[in-house]
Amino acid sequence: MENIDYNTYTMRCREKIFNIVKILPLLYCFSYLFYKNHLISVLFCSVAFFYPNLKVKDIINKRKKELNIEFKDMLYSLQSSLWAGKPIELAFNEVLKDVSILYPDPETPIIKESLQIVKMLKMNNTVESAILDFANRSGVDDIKDFAEVLKISKRTGGNLVEVVKRTSSIISDRIEMEQDIDATLAQRNLERKVMNIMPITVLAIISFTAKDYIAPIYNTNPGRLIMTVAALLITAAYVLSKKIMEIDHVLNELRPYL
């Protein structure tokens, strides 16, 4: 089974073409709305070739979030098996069964990772090395924390079962808290999108209902300069508002206290 590196994503050629074609009409309309010039609009569409790179970042972040949620279910299953008195090495066999029931699709990442851990254990790898391999490929802080705690408890000879139970509970609670924060910000994110699109909507309405009134903006050099500044400000507002709504950096700062 191929090990997945969740920190990278290679977009297929067909997927790249799809994303470029998808963004082209939006870029053309945006540019034409500000300049009323087909040549400038066509040239501006060249920005679409950079869009797949931005999309890759979104895909990576989305995969990591989904994996983190699935990891929480893995921890619940692992915790139940440990409470039943099974050693941690055998507990992952039950984990594989449980996540296979929770996620019917065999291509679900957590099923593949559970299967990989079970295979590594059967090949006489230690449980901490199997989890550490998963954590390094995932790039998810919660999984890395779990792997680190597991490694330390093994090294110091502590009560592994109790440590895993406690750590599983803490990480599961933290993941649930992050999900609650995401749900709370969902409404604000919708408001952000509405606010970002409002200036463009107003400009479109004026352009179609009061052409003579707004004509000097498109036909004079000062007018074109004003529209260029306006387009840059709207773009900057979109990027800044999106950055503010991304709570990952905030969660990283709060992680030691969660």
Protein backbone atom coordinates (compact mmCIF):
# COMPACT_ATOMS: atom_id res chain seq x y z
CA MET A 1 0.00 0.00 0.00
CA GLU A 2 1.34 3.42 -0.95
CA ASN A 3 2.04 5.71 2.00
CA ILE A 4 0.26 9.03 1.62
CA ASP A 5 2.10 12.28 2.30
CA TYR A 6 -0.64 14.69 3.39
CA ASN A 7 1.71 17.67 3.18
CA THR A 8 1.83 17.47 -0.61
CA TYR A 9 -0.70 17.03 -3.39
CA THR A 10 0.00 16.47 -7.07
CA MET A 11 -2.80 17.78 -9.23
CA ARG A 12 -3.48 15.75 -12.36
CA CYS A 13 -3.43 17.45 -15.75
CA ARG A 14 -7.18 17.08 -16.22
CA GLU A 15 -7.77 18.55 -12.78
CA LYS A 16 -5.51 21.51 -13.56
CA ILE A 17 -7.35 22.21 -16.82
CA PHE A 18 -10.72 21.98 -15.03
CA ASN A 19 -9.67 24.52 -12.39
CA ILE A 20 -8.23 26.90 -14.98
CA VAL A 21 -11.37 26.73 -17.13
CA LYS A 22 -13.53 27.19 -14.04
CA ILE A 23 -11.85 30.43 -12.99
CA LEU A 24 -11.43 31.96 -16.48
CA PRO A 25 -14.99 33.39 -16.83
CA LEU A 26 -14.81 34.99 -13.37
CA LEU A 27 -11.48 36.66 -14.11
CA TYR A 28 -12.68 37.88 -17.48
CA CYS A 29 -15.90 39.35 -16.08
CA PHE A 30 -14.05 40.95 -13.16
CA SER A 31 -11.53 42.62 -15.46
CA TYR A 32 -14.11 43.70 -18.04
CA LEU A 33 -16.27 45.22 -15.33
CA PHE A 34 -13.41 47.49 -14.28
CA TYR A 35 -11.95 48.37 -17.71
CA LYS A 36 -14.57 47.62 -20.39
CA ASN A 37 -11.72 46.43 -22.58
CA HIS A 38 -11.66 42.97 -24.11
CA LEU A 39 -7.88 42.93 -24.68
CA ILE A 40 -7.10 43.81 -21.07
CA SER A 41 -9.63 41.24 -19.89
CA VAL A 42 -8.04 38.51 -22.01
CA LEU A 43 -4.57 39.40 -20.74
CA PHE A 44 -5.85 39.42 -17.16
CA CYS A 45 -7.13 35.87 -17.67
CA SER A 46 -3.50 34.69 -17.69
CA VAL A 47 -3.74 34.87 -13.88
CA ALA A 48 -5.87 31.71 -14.12
CA PHE A 49 -2.73 29.64 -14.69
CA PHE A 50 -1.67 30.38 -11.10
CA TYR A 51 -5.02 29.29 -9.68
CA PRO A 52 -4.24 25.53 -9.53
CA ASN A 53 -1.33 26.26 -7.15
CA LEU A 54 -3.68 28.12 -4.81
CA LYS A 55 -6.22 25.32 -5.12
CA VAL A 56 -3.57 22.75 -4.10
CA LYS A 57 -3.09 24.58 -0.79
CA ASP A 58 -6.83 24.47 -0.13
CA ILE A 59 -6.96 20.76 -0.97
CA ILE A 60 -4.07 20.01 1.40
CA ASN A 61 -5.70 21.95 4.24
CA LYS A 62 -9.05 20.26 3.61
CA ARG A 63 -7.46 16.79 3.61
CA LYS A 64 -5.70 17.51 6.89
CA LYS A 65 -8.91 18.73 8.54
CA GLU A 66 -10.80 15.66 7.39
CA LEU A 67 -7.98 13.41 8.57
CA ASN A 68 -8.00 15.13 11.96
CA ILE A 69 -11.73 14.43 12.37
CA GLU A 70 -11.23 10.82 11.32
CA PHE A 71 -8.32 10.55 13.75
CA LYS A 72 -10.68 11.54 16.55
CA ASP A 73 -12.84 8.52 15.71
CA MET A 74 -9.71 6.35 15.72
CA LEU A 75 -8.88 7.60 19.21
CA TYR A 76 -12.38 6.83 20.48
CA SER A 77 -12.07 3.28 19.17
CA LEU A 78 -8.56 2.88 20.58
CA GLN A 79 -9.67 4.17 23.95
CA SER A 80 -12.58 1.70 24.07
CA SER A 81 -10.30 -1.22 23.24
CA LEU A 82 -7.81 -0.20 25.92
CA TRP A 83 -10.58 0.09 28.50
CA ALA A 84 -11.56 -3.48 27.58
CA GLY A 85 -8.09 -4.59 28.67
CA LYS A 86 -6.47 -5.24 25.31
CA PRO A 87 -2.80 -4.36 24.79
CA ILE A 88 -2.26 -1.44 22.48
CA GLU A 89 -0.74 -3.60 19.73
CA LEU A 90 -3.88 -5.75 19.52
CA ALA A 91 -6.17 -2.77 20.03
CA PHE A 92 -5.37 -1.47 16.55
CA ASN A 93 -6.95 -4.57 15.03
CA GLU A 94 -10.22 -3.48 16.63
CA VAL A 95 -9.59 0.08 15.54
CA LEU A 96 -9.35 -1.08 11.92
CA LYS A 97 -12.69 -2.91 12.24
CA ASP A 98 -14.40 0.08 13.87
CA VAL A 99 -13.24 2.70 11.35
CA SER A 100 -14.18 0.37 8.49
CA ILE A 101 -17.74 0.35 9.86
CA LEU A 102 -17.79 4.13 10.41
CA TYR A 103 -16.42 4.86 6.93
CA PRO A 104 -17.74 2.37 4.34
CA ASP A 105 -15.48 3.75 1.60
CA PRO A 106 -12.24 1.69 1.68
CA GLU A 107 -10.37 4.67 0.19
CA THR A 108 -11.00 6.72 3.35
CA PRO A 109 -7.56 7.89 4.62
CA ILE A 110 -8.05 6.72 8.21
CA ILE A 111 -8.85 3.19 7.02
CA LYS A 112 -5.68 3.12 4.94
CA GLU A 113 -3.64 4.46 7.85
CA SER A 114 -5.14 1.97 10.32
CA LEU A 115 -4.37 -0.85 7.92
CA GLN A 116 -0.81 0.46 7.50
CA ILE A 117 -0.32 0.53 11.29
CA VAL A 118 -1.63 -3.04 11.64
CA LYS A 119 0.70 -4.22 8.86
CA MET A 120 3.70 -2.52 10.46
CA LEU A 121 2.90 -4.15 13.80
CA LYS A 122 2.69 -7.55 12.15
CA MET A 123 6.15 -6.91 10.68
CA ASN A 124 7.46 -6.52 14.25
CA ASN A 125 7.67 -2.73 14.14
CA THR A 126 6.98 -1.00 17.45
CA VAL A 127 3.64 0.72 17.90
CA GLU A 128 5.33 4.07 18.53
CA SER A 129 7.30 3.86 15.27
CA ALA A 130 4.12 3.02 13.36
CA ILE A 131 2.26 5.98 14.87
CA LEU A 132 5.27 8.27 14.37
CA ASP A 133 5.40 7.35 10.68
CA PHE A 134 1.71 8.23 10.37
CA ALA A 135 2.21 11.50 12.28
CA ASN A 136 5.15 12.66 10.16
CA ARG A 137 3.26 12.04 6.92
CA SER A 138 0.04 13.62 8.20
CA GLY A 139 1.46 17.00 9.20
CA VAL A 140 -1.40 17.25 11.73
CA ASP A 141 -0.36 18.62 15.12
CA ASP A 142 -2.79 16.49 17.13
CA ILE A 143 -1.45 13.29 15.58
CA LYS A 144 2.13 14.46 16.16
CA ASP A 145 1.32 15.19 19.82
CA PHE A 146 -0.16 11.73 20.26
CA ALA A 147 2.88 10.09 18.66
CA GLU A 148 5.26 12.08 20.86
CA VAL A 149 3.41 11.21 24.07
CA LEU A 150 3.30 7.55 23.07
CA LYS A 151 7.05 7.54 22.35
CA ILE A 152 7.92 9.20 25.66
CA SER A 153 5.73 6.89 27.71
CA LYS A 154 7.32 3.86 26.04
CA ARG A 155 10.80 5.21 26.66
CA THR A 156 10.20 6.04 30.34
CA GLY A 157 8.35 2.82 31.08
CA GLY A 158 5.22 4.53 32.34
CA ASN A 159 1.71 3.12 32.48
CA LEU A 160 1.19 3.09 28.74
CA VAL A 161 -2.49 2.21 28.84
CA GLU A 162 -3.37 5.04 31.23
CA VAL A 163 -1.23 7.52 29.33
CA VAL A 164 -2.88 6.64 26.02
CA LYS A 165 -6.34 6.83 27.56
CA ARG A 166 -5.69 10.24 29.06
CA THR A 167 -4.01 11.62 25.95
CA SER A 168 -6.78 10.28 23.72
CA SER A 169 -9.41 12.05 25.81
CA ILE A 170 -7.52 15.37 25.77
CA ILE A 171 -6.88 15.32 22.02
CA SER A 172 -10.46 14.27 21.26
CA ASP A 173 -11.79 17.17 23.36
CA ARG A 174 -9.43 19.57 21.58
CA ILE A 175 -10.54 18.39 18.15
CA GLU A 176 -14.19 18.83 19.15
CA MET A 177 -13.41 22.35 20.37
CA GLU A 178 -11.81 23.20 17.03
CA GLN A 179 -14.89 21.86 15.24
CA ASP A 180 -17.11 24.05 17.41
CA ILE A 181 -15.00 27.10 16.54
CA ASP A 182 -15.25 26.27 12.82
CA ALA A 183 -19.03 25.97 13.12
CA THR A 184 -19.23 29.30 14.95
CA LEU A 185 -17.21 31.04 12.23
CA ALA A 186 -19.26 29.57 9.38
CA GLN A 187 -21.87 32.37 9.61
CA ARG A 188 -19.16 35.04 9.77
CA ASN A 189 -17.52 33.50 6.74
CA LEU A 190 -20.76 33.83 4.78
CA GLU A 191 -21.01 37.49 5.82
CA ARG A 192 -17.43 38.00 4.65
CA LYS A 193 -18.26 36.65 1.20
CA VAL A 194 -21.31 38.92 0.94
CA MET A 195 -19.27 41.98 1.94
CA ASN A 196 -16.56 41.11 -0.59
CA ILE A 197 -19.01 40.81 -3.46
CA MET A 198 -21.06 43.91 -2.64
CA PRO A 199 -18.72 46.53 -4.25
CA ILE A 200 -18.56 44.46 -7.44
CA THR A 201 -22.35 44.08 -7.47
CA VAL A 202 -22.86 47.84 -7.03
CA LEU A 203 -20.38 48.59 -9.84
CA ALA A 204 -22.13 46.09 -12.13
CA ILE A 205 -25.54 47.65 -11.44
CA ILE A 206 -24.26 51.18 -12.14
CA SER A 207 -22.49 50.01 -15.30
CA PHE A 208 -25.69 48.58 -16.76
CA THR A 209 -28.19 51.17 -15.52
CA ALA A 210 -26.21 54.43 -15.78
CA LYS A 211 -23.76 53.97 -18.67
CA ASP A 212 -23.49 57.67 -19.51
CA TYR A 213 -22.89 58.58 -15.89
CA ILE A 214 -20.01 56.16 -15.42
CA ALA A 215 -18.54 56.44 -18.97
CA PRO A 216 -15.76 58.94 -18.00
CA ILE A 217 -14.35 56.34 -15.60
CA TYR A 218 -13.63 54.03 -18.54
CA ASN A 219 -12.67 56.60 -21.19
CA THR A 220 -10.16 58.80 -19.36
CA ASN A 221 -6.73 58.06 -17.89
CA PRO A 222 -7.62 59.34 -14.39
CA GLY A 223 -10.72 57.16 -14.51
CA ARG A 224 -8.72 54.07 -15.46
CA LEU A 225 -6.29 54.82 -12.64
CA ILE A 226 -9.16 55.06 -10.16
CA MET A 227 -10.59 51.75 -11.36
CA THR A 228 -7.16 50.11 -11.07
CA VAL A 229 -6.82 51.31 -7.48
CA ALA A 230 -10.37 50.16 -6.73
CA ALA A 231 -9.69 46.70 -8.18
CA LEU A 232 -6.50 46.40 -6.13
CA LEU A 233 -8.29 47.47 -2.94
CA ILE A 234 -11.13 44.99 -3.50
CA THR A 235 -8.61 42.21 -4.15
CA ALA A 236 -6.62 43.16 -1.04
CA ALA A 237 -9.82 43.24 1.04
CA TYR A 238 -10.71 39.74 -0.17
CA VAL A 239 -7.26 38.33 0.63
CA LEU A 240 -7.09 40.03 4.03
CA SER A 241 -10.61 39.00 5.10
CA LYS A 242 -9.95 35.41 4.04
CA LYS A 243 -6.71 35.42 6.04
CA ILE A 244 -8.51 36.73 9.11
CA MET A 245 -11.11 33.97 8.88
CA GLU A 246 -8.44 31.28 8.75
CA ILE A 247 -8.19 30.28 12.40
CA ASP A 248 -5.35 27.77 12.02
CA HIS A 249 -2.73 30.28 13.16
CA VAL A 250 -4.89 31.24 16.15
CA LEU A 251 -5.37 27.59 17.11
CA ASN A 252 -1.62 27.02 16.89
CA GLU A 253 -1.10 29.81 19.41
CA LEU A 254 -3.80 28.45 21.71
CA ARG A 255 -2.84 24.79 21.31
CA PRO A 256 -0.72 24.60 24.51
CA TYR A 257 -3.71 25.84 26.52
CA LEU A 258 -6.43 23.68 24.90
